[in-house]
Protein backbone atom coordinates (compact mmCIF):
# COMPACT_ATOMS: atom_id res chain seq x y z
CA UNK A 1 -155.22 -150.46 -127.59
CA UNK A 2 -151.66 -150.10 -126.36
CA UNK A 3 -149.56 -152.99 -125.10
CA UNK A 4 -146.74 -152.62 -122.56
CA UNK A 5 -144.11 -155.32 -122.27
CA UNK A 6 -143.63 -156.55 -118.70
CA UNK A 7 -141.22 -159.41 -118.10
CA UNK A 8 -141.51 -160.76 -121.65
CA UNK A 9 -145.32 -160.63 -121.78
CA UNK A 10 -147.49 -158.03 -123.45
CA UNK A 11 -150.01 -156.41 -121.17
CA UNK A 12 -152.92 -154.31 -122.35
CA UNK A 13 -152.81 -151.09 -120.36
CA UNK A 14 -154.31 -148.08 -122.13
CA UNK A 15 -153.62 -145.80 -119.16
CA UNK A 16 -149.88 -146.51 -119.06
CA UNK A 17 -148.83 -144.29 -122.00
CA UNK A 18 -150.81 -141.38 -120.54
CA UNK A 19 -149.13 -141.90 -117.18
CA UNK A 20 -145.68 -141.88 -118.77
CA UNK A 21 -146.62 -138.79 -120.79
CA UNK A 22 -147.73 -136.80 -117.75
CA UNK A 23 -144.96 -137.94 -115.39
CA UNK A 24 -142.28 -135.73 -116.94
CA UNK A 25 -144.27 -132.44 -116.88
CA UNK A 26 -145.34 -133.16 -113.31
CA UNK A 27 -141.73 -133.76 -112.32
CA UNK A 28 -140.71 -130.48 -113.93
CA UNK A 29 -143.50 -128.64 -112.15
CA UNK A 30 -142.45 -130.09 -108.79
CA UNK A 31 -138.83 -129.11 -109.43
CA UNK A 32 -139.92 -125.59 -110.39
CA UNK A 33 -141.94 -125.21 -107.19
CA UNK A 34 -139.06 -126.57 -105.13
CA UNK A 35 -136.65 -124.13 -106.79
CA UNK A 36 -139.01 -121.23 -106.11
CA UNK A 37 -139.28 -122.23 -102.44
CA UNK A 38 -135.49 -122.47 -102.11
CA UNK A 39 -134.96 -119.09 -103.78
CA UNK A 40 -137.74 -117.57 -101.67
CA UNK A 41 -136.12 -118.80 -98.47
CA UNK A 42 -132.79 -117.39 -99.62
CA UNK A 43 -134.43 -114.03 -100.33
CA UNK A 44 -136.01 -113.92 -96.87
CA UNK A 45 -132.76 -114.88 -95.13
CA UNK A 46 -130.73 -112.35 -97.13
CA UNK A 47 -133.27 -109.58 -96.43
CA UNK A 48 -133.37 -110.22 -92.69
CA UNK A 49 -129.58 -110.51 -92.55
CA UNK A 50 -129.12 -107.18 -94.34
CA UNK A 51 -131.80 -105.36 -92.35
CA UNK A 52 -132.88 -107.13 -89.14
CA UNK A 53 -136.31 -106.21 -87.86
CA UNK A 54 -139.29 -104.68 -89.65
CA UNK A 55 -137.17 -103.26 -92.48
CA UNK A 56 -135.93 -106.76 -93.28
CA UNK A 57 -139.48 -108.09 -93.29
CA UNK A 58 -140.53 -105.39 -95.73
CA UNK A 59 -137.51 -106.19 -97.88
CA UNK A 60 -138.35 -109.90 -97.79
CA UNK A 61 -141.87 -109.09 -98.94
CA UNK A 62 -140.45 -107.05 -101.80
CA UNK A 63 -138.12 -109.89 -102.76
CA UNK A 64 -140.94 -112.45 -102.85
CA UNK A 65 -143.16 -110.15 -104.90
CA UNK A 66 -140.34 -109.45 -107.35
CA UNK A 67 -139.65 -113.17 -107.64
CA UNK A 68 -143.27 -113.79 -108.55
CA UNK A 69 -143.17 -110.96 -111.09
CA UNK A 70 -140.03 -112.39 -112.70
CA UNK A 71 -141.49 -115.90 -112.99
CA UNK A 72 -144.83 -114.76 -114.42
CA UNK A 73 -143.26 -112.35 -116.89
CA UNK A 74 -140.87 -115.05 -118.09
CA UNK A 75 -143.74 -117.49 -118.60
CA UNK A 76 -146.40 -115.25 -120.12
CA UNK A 77 -144.89 -111.80 -120.85
CA UNK A 78 -147.43 -110.48 -118.36
CA UNK A 79 -146.98 -108.67 -115.04
CA UNK A 80 -150.17 -108.81 -112.95
CA UNK A 81 -151.35 -105.46 -111.63
CA UNK A 82 -152.00 -106.95 -108.19
CA UNK A 83 -148.30 -107.71 -107.78
CA UNK A 84 -147.06 -104.27 -108.82
CA UNK A 85 -149.76 -102.56 -106.76
CA UNK A 86 -148.80 -104.67 -103.75
CA UNK A 87 -145.13 -103.79 -104.25
CA UNK A 88 -146.00 -100.08 -104.54
CA UNK A 89 -148.12 -100.16 -101.36
CA UNK A 90 -145.42 -102.10 -99.54
CA UNK A 91 -142.92 -99.46 -100.61
CA UNK A 92 -145.04 -96.75 -99.02
CA UNK A 93 -145.31 -98.81 -95.83
CA UNK A 94 -141.53 -99.24 -95.87
CA UNK A 95 -141.11 -95.48 -96.24
CA UNK A 96 -143.31 -94.98 -93.18
CA UNK A 97 -141.30 -97.57 -91.24
CA UNK A 98 -138.00 -95.86 -92.08
CA UNK A 99 -139.32 -92.37 -91.37
CA UNK A 100 -137.96 -90.39 -88.46
CA UNK A 101 -140.94 -88.33 -87.31
CA UNK A 102 -141.89 -87.24 -90.85
CA UNK A 103 -144.18 -90.11 -91.85
CA UNK A 104 -146.62 -88.16 -94.10
CA UNK A 105 -143.78 -86.35 -95.86
CA UNK A 106 -141.74 -89.51 -96.42
CA UNK A 107 -144.75 -91.47 -97.70
CA UNK A 108 -145.59 -88.60 -100.04
CA UNK A 109 -142.00 -88.45 -101.27
CA UNK A 110 -141.94 -92.20 -101.99
CA UNK A 111 -145.27 -91.99 -103.79
CA UNK A 112 -144.21 -88.97 -105.85
CA UNK A 113 -140.94 -90.66 -106.78
CA UNK A 114 -142.83 -93.75 -107.90
CA UNK A 115 -145.22 -91.71 -110.02
CA UNK A 116 -142.36 -89.80 -111.65
CA UNK A 117 -140.40 -92.95 -112.48
CA UNK A 118 -143.52 -94.61 -113.86
CA UNK A 119 -144.28 -91.51 -115.91
CA UNK A 120 -140.73 -91.48 -117.28
CA UNK A 121 -141.15 -95.10 -118.43
CA UNK A 122 -144.52 -94.27 -119.97
CA UNK A 123 -143.03 -91.35 -121.91
CA UNK A 124 -140.20 -93.59 -123.09
CA UNK A 125 -142.80 -96.12 -124.22
CA UNK A 126 -144.67 -93.41 -126.16
CA UNK A 127 -141.49 -92.07 -127.81
CA UNK A 128 -140.38 -95.57 -128.80
CA UNK A 129 -143.78 -96.29 -130.33
CA UNK A 130 -143.69 -93.03 -132.26
CA UNK A 131 -140.24 -93.83 -133.67
CA UNK A 132 -140.61 -97.58 -134.28
CA UNK A 133 -144.40 -97.93 -134.62
CA UNK A 134 -144.44 -100.76 -132.10
CA UNK A 135 -144.31 -100.95 -128.33
CA UNK A 136 -140.91 -101.63 -126.82
CA UNK A 137 -142.02 -101.33 -123.18
CA UNK A 138 -145.12 -102.98 -121.77
CA UNK A 139 -147.53 -101.25 -119.44
CA UNK A 140 -146.60 -103.85 -116.85
CA UNK A 141 -143.02 -102.59 -116.98
CA UNK A 142 -144.29 -99.03 -116.52
CA UNK A 143 -146.17 -100.03 -113.36
CA UNK A 144 -143.20 -102.03 -112.15
CA UNK A 145 -141.05 -98.91 -112.58
CA UNK A 146 -143.50 -97.00 -110.37
CA UNK A 147 -143.08 -99.67 -107.69
CA UNK A 148 -139.30 -99.33 -108.03
CA UNK A 149 -139.59 -95.59 -107.46
CA UNK A 150 -141.54 -96.16 -104.25
CA UNK A 151 -138.76 -98.37 -102.94
CA UNK A 152 -135.49 -96.92 -104.23
CA UNK A 153 -133.99 -93.46 -103.94
CA UNK A 154 -132.79 -91.46 -106.93
CA UNK A 155 -129.26 -92.84 -106.75
CA UNK A 156 -130.36 -96.48 -106.89
CA UNK A 157 -133.10 -96.27 -109.52
CA UNK A 158 -130.60 -95.90 -112.42
CA UNK A 159 -128.59 -98.78 -110.96
CA UNK A 160 -131.62 -101.09 -111.05
CA UNK A 161 -132.61 -100.04 -114.58
CA UNK A 162 -129.11 -100.29 -116.03
CA UNK A 163 -128.41 -103.59 -114.29
CA UNK A 164 -131.65 -105.07 -115.63
CA UNK A 165 -131.01 -103.79 -119.16
CA UNK A 166 -127.45 -105.13 -119.23
CA UNK A 167 -128.55 -108.49 -117.85
CA UNK A 168 -131.33 -108.78 -120.44
CA UNK A 169 -128.97 -107.94 -123.31
CA UNK A 170 -126.32 -110.35 -122.04
CA UNK A 171 -128.80 -113.22 -121.71
CA UNK A 172 -130.21 -112.52 -125.15
CA UNK A 173 -126.76 -112.37 -126.75
CA UNK A 174 -125.61 -115.59 -125.08
CA UNK A 175 -128.80 -117.40 -126.07
CA UNK A 176 -128.45 -116.30 -129.70
CA UNK A 177 -124.84 -117.39 -129.83
CA UNK A 178 -125.54 -120.66 -128.06
CA UNK A 179 -128.37 -121.54 -130.45
CA UNK A 180 -126.47 -120.26 -133.46
CA UNK A 181 -129.28 -117.92 -134.47
CA UNK A 182 -128.95 -114.40 -135.90
CA UNK A 183 -129.67 -111.35 -133.77
CA UNK A 184 -133.11 -109.83 -134.21
CA UNK A 185 -133.68 -106.18 -133.38
CA UNK A 186 -137.41 -106.89 -133.04
CA UNK A 187 -136.96 -109.75 -130.57
CA UNK A 188 -139.31 -109.69 -127.59
CA UNK A 189 -137.76 -109.96 -124.12
CA UNK A 190 -139.55 -110.20 -120.76
CA UNK A 191 -137.93 -107.15 -119.17
CA UNK A 192 -139.69 -107.80 -115.87
CA UNK A 193 -137.70 -111.03 -115.56
CA UNK A 194 -134.59 -108.89 -115.11
CA UNK A 195 -135.99 -105.63 -113.74
CA UNK A 196 -137.88 -107.18 -110.82
CA UNK A 197 -134.85 -108.96 -109.29
CA UNK A 198 -132.76 -105.84 -109.92
CA UNK A 199 -135.18 -103.78 -107.82
CA UNK A 200 -134.83 -106.11 -104.85
CA UNK A 201 -131.06 -106.43 -105.35
CA UNK A 202 -130.75 -102.63 -105.33
CA UNK A 203 -132.73 -102.42 -102.10
CA UNK A 204 -130.50 -105.13 -100.62
CA UNK A 205 -127.41 -103.19 -101.68
CA UNK A 206 -128.72 -100.07 -99.98
CA UNK A 207 -129.44 -102.07 -96.81
CA UNK A 208 -125.97 -103.59 -96.72
CA UNK A 209 -123.79 -100.59 -97.61
CA UNK A 210 -124.47 -98.48 -94.47
CA UNK A 211 -123.35 -101.40 -92.32
CA UNK A 212 -120.15 -102.11 -94.26
């Protein structure tokens, strides 16, 4: 039995240690949820500011989906299919919204672009496995790339990929140096943590530039 001192007296309270033990994780969880809500609100405001109207709503939806992808990939190295499929479908809906009398053609173009980008990632995954005998790109990243293709044009897709890769490498390098640990070529990084925000940021850039 545990005893907790209160005002100079010892009080038997077996539940107190458990309460103290669970208070800190609960506080962290509440702070994490609050941070996600704040970031989500910022994403929605930025999307609607860059593209008022339906386009901004579609962009806000993309931003929220990409935020969820980033959080889940950072926590579990897993990107749920339902999120990437939703982002892909939303990209096709956005293509229809931005179409000027060529809705079937524009939807087909966005879908084909997504398939080609996803296929390129899959081929890169296969080549890497053949050379290194281990997977360097997850299937979740392949599907996320397909969603990126449905949203971004050919000029912005490389921007999103390169930005995500550079951000991932920079974070990894800083973390190794900060912790004083050696670099490991086989280290595992949640690429979706960086790629997902880069997709939304690239869309945001495309929405802002025509108005500047």
